[in-house]
Amino acid sequence: QKLSNTAREGARFASSLPTTDLDAIGTP
């Protein structure tokens, strides 16, 4: 249950982030 909440919060946060930096070399 804790891991499910953690993954959900990570995905929720990620959905609000821009995807414009994904073409960068290395980890954006």
PDB file of all heavy atoms in Angstrom:
ATOM      1  N   GLN A   1       0.824  -1.207   0.000  1.00  0.00           N
ATOM      2  CA  GLN A   1       0.000   0.000   0.000  1.00  0.00           C
ATOM      3  C   GLN A   1       0.861   1.261   0.000  1.00  0.00           C
ATOM      4  O   GLN A   1       0.582   2.216  -0.728  1.00  0.00           O
ATOM      5  CB  GLN A   1      -0.954   0.007   1.204  1.00  0.00           C
ATOM      6  CG  GLN A   1      -1.969  -1.100   1.195  1.00  0.00           C
ATOM      7  CD  GLN A   1      -2.784  -1.115  -0.075  1.00  0.00           C
ATOM      8  OE1 GLN A   1      -3.298  -0.110  -0.532  1.00  0.00           O
ATOM      9  NE2 GLN A   1      -2.873  -2.288  -0.695  1.00  0.00           N
ATOM     10  N   LYS A   2       1.913   1.273   0.811  1.00  0.00           N
ATOM     11  CA  LYS A   2       2.821   2.428   0.843  1.00  0.00           C
ATOM     12  C   LYS A   2       3.510   2.623  -0.504  1.00  0.00           C
ATOM     13  O   LYS A   2       3.650   3.751  -0.982  1.00  0.00           O
ATOM     14  CB  LYS A   2       3.875   2.247   1.939  1.00  0.00           C
ATOM     15  CG  LYS A   2       3.337   2.404   3.341  1.00  0.00           C
ATOM     16  CD  LYS A   2       4.454   2.201   4.355  1.00  0.00           C
ATOM     17  CE  LYS A   2       3.969   2.331   5.771  1.00  0.00           C
ATOM     18  NZ  LYS A   2       5.057   2.113   6.740  1.00  0.00           N
ATOM     19  N   LEU A   3       3.943   1.529  -1.121  1.00  0.00           N
ATOM     20  CA  LEU A   3       4.600   1.628  -2.423  1.00  0.00           C
ATOM     21  C   LEU A   3       3.637   2.100  -3.505  1.00  0.00           C
ATOM     22  O   LEU A   3       4.012   2.878  -4.386  1.00  0.00           O
ATOM     23  CB  LEU A   3       5.213   0.284  -2.818  1.00  0.00           C
ATOM     24  CG  LEU A   3       6.400  -0.177  -1.977  1.00  0.00           C
ATOM     25  CD1 LEU A   3       6.810  -1.593  -2.367  1.00  0.00           C
ATOM     26  CD2 LEU A   3       7.575   0.775  -2.128  1.00  0.00           C
ATOM     27  N   SER A   4       2.389   1.646  -3.447  1.00  0.00           N
ATOM     28  CA  SER A   4       1.384   2.106  -4.412  1.00  0.00           C
ATOM     29  C   SER A   4       1.150   3.606  -4.277  1.00  0.00           C
ATOM     30  O   SER A   4       1.060   4.324  -5.282  1.00  0.00           O
ATOM     31  CB  SER A   4       0.060   1.357  -4.220  1.00  0.00           C
ATOM     32  OG  SER A   4       0.216   0.002  -4.540  1.00  0.00           O
ATOM     33  N   ASN A   5       1.067   4.082  -3.043  1.00  0.00           N
ATOM     34  CA  ASN A   5       0.901   5.526  -2.822  1.00  0.00           C
ATOM     35  C   ASN A   5       2.115   6.297  -3.323  1.00  0.00           C
ATOM     36  O   ASN A   5       1.977   7.376  -3.912  1.00  0.00           O
ATOM     37  CB  ASN A   5       0.664   5.825  -1.337  1.00  0.00           C
ATOM     38  CG  ASN A   5      -0.684   5.353  -0.869  1.00  0.00           C
ATOM     39  OD1 ASN A   5      -1.604   5.170  -1.657  1.00  0.00           O
ATOM     40  ND2 ASN A   5      -0.815   5.131   0.425  1.00  0.00           N
ATOM     41  N   THR A   6       3.306   5.772  -3.106  1.00  0.00           N
ATOM     42  CA  THR A   6       4.532   6.426  -3.556  1.00  0.00           C
ATOM     43  C   THR A   6       4.574   6.506  -5.078  1.00  0.00           C
ATOM     44  O   THR A   6       4.886   7.566  -5.635  1.00  0.00           O
ATOM     45  CB  THR A   6       5.764   5.671  -3.018  1.00  0.00           C
ATOM     46  OG1 THR A   6       5.726   5.695  -1.589  1.00  0.00           O
ATOM     47  CG2 THR A   6       7.053   6.284  -3.510  1.00  0.00           C
ATOM     48  N   ALA A   7       4.265   5.415  -5.761  1.00  0.00           N
ATOM     49  CA  ALA A   7       4.255   5.417  -7.227  1.00  0.00           C
ATOM     50  C   ALA A   7       3.196   6.378  -7.753  1.00  0.00           C
ATOM     51  O   ALA A   7       3.432   7.112  -8.715  1.00  0.00           O
ATOM     52  CB  ALA A   7       4.012   4.004  -7.759  1.00  0.00           C
ATOM     53  N   ARG A   8       2.030   6.403  -7.117  1.00  0.00           N
ATOM     54  CA  ARG A   8       0.953   7.298  -7.542  1.00  0.00           C
ATOM     55  C   ARG A   8       1.358   8.763  -7.392  1.00  0.00           C
ATOM     56  O   ARG A   8       1.125   9.582  -8.278  1.00  0.00           O
ATOM     57  CB  ARG A   8      -0.317   6.987  -6.742  1.00  0.00           C
ATOM     58  CG  ARG A   8      -1.538   7.672  -7.250  1.00  0.00           C
ATOM     59  CD  ARG A   8      -2.841   7.220  -6.594  1.00  0.00           C
ATOM     60  NE  ARG A   8      -2.756   6.787  -5.226  1.00  0.00           N
ATOM     61  CZ  ARG A   8      -2.814   5.511  -4.822  1.00  0.00           C
ATOM     62  NH1 ARG A   8      -2.946   4.543  -5.705  1.00  0.00           N
ATOM     63  NH2 ARG A   8      -2.753   5.205  -3.546  1.00  0.00           N
ATOM     64  N   GLU A   9       1.998   9.092  -6.260  1.00  0.00           N
ATOM     65  CA  GLU A   9       2.453  10.470  -6.057  1.00  0.00           C
ATOM     66  C   GLU A   9       3.532  10.840  -7.065  1.00  0.00           C
ATOM     67  O   GLU A   9       3.563  11.970  -7.565  1.00  0.00           O
ATOM     68  CB  GLU A   9       2.964  10.669  -4.632  1.00  0.00           C
ATOM     69  CG  GLU A   9       1.861  10.709  -3.595  1.00  0.00           C
ATOM     70  CD  GLU A   9       0.860  11.824  -3.843  1.00  0.00           C
ATOM     71  OE1 GLU A   9       1.280  12.962  -4.140  1.00  0.00           O
ATOM     72  OE2 GLU A   9      -0.350  11.563  -3.744  1.00  0.00           O
ATOM     73  N   GLY A  10       4.428   9.913  -7.368  1.00  0.00           N
ATOM     74  CA  GLY A  10       5.466  10.169  -8.372  1.00  0.00           C
ATOM     75  C   GLY A  10       4.870  10.410  -9.749  1.00  0.00           C
ATOM     76  O   GLY A  10       5.282  11.335 -10.461  1.00  0.00           O
ATOM     77  N   ALA A  11       3.900   9.602 -10.142  1.00  0.00           N
ATOM     78  CA  ALA A  11       3.262   9.764 -11.456  1.00  0.00           C
ATOM     79  C   ALA A  11       2.438  11.048 -11.504  1.00  0.00           C
ATOM     80  O   ALA A  11       2.431  11.749 -12.525  1.00  0.00           O
ATOM     81  CB  ALA A  11       2.388   8.557 -11.765  1.00  0.00           C
ATOM     82  N   ARG A  12       1.765  11.360 -10.413  1.00  0.00           N
ATOM     83  CA  ARG A  12       0.973  12.595 -10.359  1.00  0.00           C
ATOM     84  C   ARG A  12       1.882  13.818 -10.502  1.00  0.00           C
ATOM     85  O   ARG A  12       1.582  14.746 -11.256  1.00  0.00           O
ATOM     86  CB  ARG A  12       0.192  12.657  -9.047  1.00  0.00           C
ATOM     87  CG  ARG A  12      -0.778  13.809  -8.980  1.00  0.00           C
ATOM     88  CD  ARG A  12      -1.602  13.775  -7.697  1.00  0.00           C
ATOM     89  NE  ARG A  12      -2.411  12.578  -7.659  1.00  0.00           N
ATOM     90  CZ  ARG A  12      -2.617  11.834  -6.571  1.00  0.00           C
ATOM     91  NH1 ARG A  12      -2.071  12.174  -5.428  1.00  0.00           N
ATOM     92  NH2 ARG A  12      -3.359  10.770  -6.621  1.00  0.00           N
ATOM     93  N   PHE A  13       2.990  13.809  -9.792  1.00  0.00           N
ATOM     94  CA  PHE A  13       3.963  14.903  -9.878  1.00  0.00           C
ATOM     95  C   PHE A  13       4.546  14.978 -11.287  1.00  0.00           C
ATOM     96  O   PHE A  13       4.672  16.056 -11.872  1.00  0.00           O
ATOM     97  CB  PHE A  13       5.065  14.698  -8.832  1.00  0.00           C
ATOM     98  CG  PHE A  13       6.173  15.705  -8.898  1.00  0.00           C
ATOM     99  CD1 PHE A  13       5.945  17.033  -8.595  1.00  0.00           C
ATOM    100  CD2 PHE A  13       7.451  15.315  -9.261  1.00  0.00           C
ATOM    101  CE1 PHE A  13       6.971  17.965  -8.654  1.00  0.00           C
ATOM    102  CE2 PHE A  13       8.485  16.221  -9.316  1.00  0.00           C
ATOM    103  CZ  PHE A  13       8.245  17.562  -9.016  1.00  0.00           C
ATOM    104  N   ALA A  14       4.900  13.844 -11.862  1.00  0.00           N
ATOM    105  CA  ALA A  14       5.511  13.801 -13.193  1.00  0.00           C
ATOM    106  C   ALA A  14       4.565  14.321 -14.267  1.00  0.00           C
ATOM    107  O   ALA A  14       5.006  14.958 -15.231  1.00  0.00           O
ATOM    108  CB  ALA A  14       5.937  12.382 -13.528  1.00  0.00           C
ATOM    109  N   SER A  15       3.280  14.086 -14.110  1.00  0.00           N
ATOM    110  CA  SER A  15       2.325  14.522 -15.128  1.00  0.00           C
ATOM    111  C   SER A  15       2.256  16.040 -15.238  1.00  0.00           C
ATOM    112  O   SER A  15       1.892  16.573 -16.282  1.00  0.00           O
ATOM    113  CB  SER A  15       0.932  13.959 -14.828  1.00  0.00           C
ATOM    114  OG  SER A  15       0.368  14.610 -13.704  1.00  0.00           O
ATOM    115  N   SER A  16       2.644  16.734 -14.177  1.00  0.00           N
ATOM    116  CA  SER A  16       2.598  18.196 -14.200  1.00  0.00           C
ATOM    117  C   SER A  16       3.907  18.814 -14.680  1.00  0.00           C
ATOM    118  O   SER A  16       3.978  20.019 -14.903  1.00  0.00           O
ATOM    119  CB  SER A  16       2.261  18.728 -12.803  1.00  0.00           C
ATOM    120  OG  SER A  16       3.327  18.446 -11.910  1.00  0.00           O
ATOM    121  N   LEU A  17       4.943  18.003 -14.844  1.00  0.00           N
ATOM    122  CA  LEU A  17       6.242  18.520 -15.278  1.00  0.00           C
ATOM    123  C   LEU A  17       6.301  18.641 -16.799  1.00  0.00           C
ATOM    124  O   LEU A  17       5.685  17.849 -17.523  1.00  0.00           O
ATOM    125  CB  LEU A  17       7.365  17.594 -14.795  1.00  0.00           C
ATOM    126  CG  LEU A  17       7.558  17.497 -13.285  1.00  0.00           C
ATOM    127  CD1 LEU A  17       8.639  16.472 -12.965  1.00  0.00           C
ATOM    128  CD2 LEU A  17       7.929  18.847 -12.697  1.00  0.00           C
ATOM    129  N   PRO A  18       7.073  19.604 -17.299  1.00  0.00           N
ATOM    130  CA  PRO A  18       7.202  19.738 -18.752  1.00  0.00           C
ATOM    131  C   PRO A  18       8.017  18.577 -19.328  1.00  0.00           C
ATOM    132  O   PRO A  18       8.844  17.982 -18.653  1.00  0.00           O
ATOM    133  CB  PRO A  18       7.962  21.061 -18.915  1.00  0.00           C
ATOM    134  CG  PRO A  18       8.708  21.228 -17.638  1.00  0.00           C
ATOM    135  CD  PRO A  18       7.853  20.594 -16.569  1.00  0.00           C
ATOM    136  N   THR A  19       7.753  18.293 -20.589  1.00  0.00           N
ATOM    137  CA  THR A  19       8.505  17.242 -21.283  1.00  0.00           C
ATOM    138  C   THR A  19       9.522  17.843 -22.248  1.00  0.00           C
ATOM    139  O   THR A  19      10.122  17.125 -23.034  1.00  0.00           O
ATOM    140  CB  THR A  19       7.542  16.318 -22.056  1.00  0.00           C
ATOM    141  OG1 THR A  19       6.770  17.107 -22.955  1.00  0.00           O
ATOM    142  CG2 THR A  19       6.642  15.554 -21.106  1.00  0.00           C
ATOM    143  N   THR A  20       9.721  19.158 -22.163  1.00  0.00           N
ATOM    144  CA  THR A  20      10.639  19.829 -23.089  1.00  0.00           C
ATOM    145  C   THR A  20      12.098  19.480 -22.831  1.00  0.00           C
ATOM    146  O   THR A  20      12.925  19.647 -23.717  1.00  0.00           O
ATOM    147  CB  THR A  20      10.455  21.356 -23.002  1.00  0.00           C
ATOM    148  OG1 THR A  20      10.627  21.764 -21.631  1.00  0.00           O
ATOM    149  CG2 THR A  20       9.074  21.757 -23.482  1.00  0.00           C
ATOM    150  N   ASP A  21      12.423  19.010 -21.642  1.00  0.00           N
ATOM    151  CA  ASP A  21      13.824  18.690 -21.341  1.00  0.00           C
ATOM    152  C   ASP A  21      14.184  17.230 -21.616  1.00  0.00           C
ATOM    153  O   ASP A  21      15.303  16.802 -21.357  1.00  0.00           O
ATOM    154  CB  ASP A  21      14.147  19.037 -19.888  1.00  0.00           C
ATOM    155  CG  ASP A  21      13.402  18.166 -18.892  1.00  0.00           C
ATOM    156  OD1 ASP A  21      12.432  17.477 -19.298  1.00  0.00           O
ATOM    157  OD2 ASP A  21      13.768  18.175 -17.708  1.00  0.00           O
ATOM    158  N   LEU A  22      13.266  16.444 -22.164  1.00  0.00           N
ATOM    159  CA  LEU A  22      13.506  15.010 -22.342  1.00  0.00           C
ATOM    160  C   LEU A  22      14.502  14.697 -23.452  1.00  0.00           C
ATOM    161  O   LEU A  22      15.033  13.591 -23.511  1.00  0.00           O
ATOM    162  CB  LEU A  22      12.191  14.280 -22.599  1.00  0.00           C
ATOM    163  CG  LEU A  22      11.177  14.337 -21.452  1.00  0.00           C
ATOM    164  CD1 LEU A  22       9.919  13.569 -21.829  1.00  0.00           C
ATOM    165  CD2 LEU A  22      11.770  13.808 -20.158  1.00  0.00           C
ATOM    166  N   ASP A  23      14.767  15.656 -24.345  1.00  0.00           N
ATOM    167  CA  ASP A  23      15.717  15.423 -25.419  1.00  0.00           C
ATOM    168  C   ASP A  23      17.156  15.664 -24.982  1.00  0.00           C
ATOM    169  O   ASP A  23      18.084  15.454 -25.755  1.00  0.00           O
ATOM    170  CB  ASP A  23      15.397  16.336 -26.616  1.00  0.00           C
ATOM    171  CG  ASP A  23      14.106  15.915 -27.293  1.00  0.00           C
ATOM    172  OD1 ASP A  23      13.740  14.726 -27.189  1.00  0.00           O
ATOM    173  OD2 ASP A  23      13.457  16.769 -27.914  1.00  0.00           O
ATOM    174  N   ALA A  24      17.353  16.085 -23.740  1.00  0.00           N
ATOM    175  CA  ALA A  24      18.698  16.392 -23.248  1.00  0.00           C
ATOM    176  C   ALA A  24      19.525  15.120 -23.139  1.00  0.00           C
ATOM    177  O   ALA A  24      19.007  14.021 -22.943  1.00  0.00           O
ATOM    178  CB  ALA A  24      18.604  17.066 -21.883  1.00  0.00           C
ATOM    179  N   ILE A  25      20.843  15.295 -23.261  1.00  0.00           N
ATOM    180  CA  ILE A  25      21.757  14.170 -23.075  1.00  0.00           C
ATOM    181  C   ILE A  25      21.880  13.914 -21.579  1.00  0.00           C
ATOM    182  O   ILE A  25      21.998  14.839 -20.776  1.00  0.00           O
ATOM    183  CB  ILE A  25      23.134  14.485 -23.696  1.00  0.00           C
ATOM    184  CG1 ILE A  25      22.970  14.646 -25.201  1.00  0.00           C
ATOM    185  CG2 ILE A  25      24.139  13.392 -23.366  1.00  0.00           C
ATOM    186  CD1 ILE A  25      24.222  15.082 -25.908  1.00  0.00           C
ATOM    187  N   GLY A  26      21.863  12.666 -21.197  1.00  0.00           N
ATOM    188  CA  GLY A  26      21.906  12.333 -19.782  1.00  0.00           C
ATOM    189  C   GLY A  26      20.499  12.282 -19.200  1.00  0.00           C
ATOM    190  O   GLY A  26      19.514  12.175 -19.920  1.00  0.00           O
ATOM    191  N   THR A  27      20.426  12.386 -17.898  1.00  0.00           N
ATOM    192  CA  THR A  27      19.129  12.334 -17.225  1.00  0.00           C
ATOM    193  C   THR A  27      18.572  13.752 -17.096  1.00  0.00           C
ATOM    194  O   THR A  27      19.214  14.609 -16.497  1.00  0.00           O
ATOM    195  CB  THR A  27      19.266  11.697 -15.831  1.00  0.00           C
ATOM    196  OG1 THR A  27      19.863  10.406 -15.979  1.00  0.00           O
ATOM    197  CG2 THR A  27      17.912  11.546 -15.174  1.00  0.00           C
ATOM    198  N   PRO A  28      17.385  14.008 -17.655  1.00  0.00           N
ATOM    199  CA  PRO A  28      16.800  15.347 -17.580  1.00  0.00           C
ATOM    200  C   PRO A  28      16.466  15.737 -16.135  1.00  0.00           C
ATOM    201  O   PRO A  28      16.167  14.869 -15.301  1.00  0.00           O
ATOM    202  CB  PRO A  28      15.530  15.237 -18.407  1.00  0.00           C
ATOM    203  CG  PRO A  28      15.641  13.971 -19.164  1.00  0.00           C
ATOM    204  CD  PRO A  28      16.575  13.092 -18.424  1.00  0.00           C
TER     205      PRO A  28
END
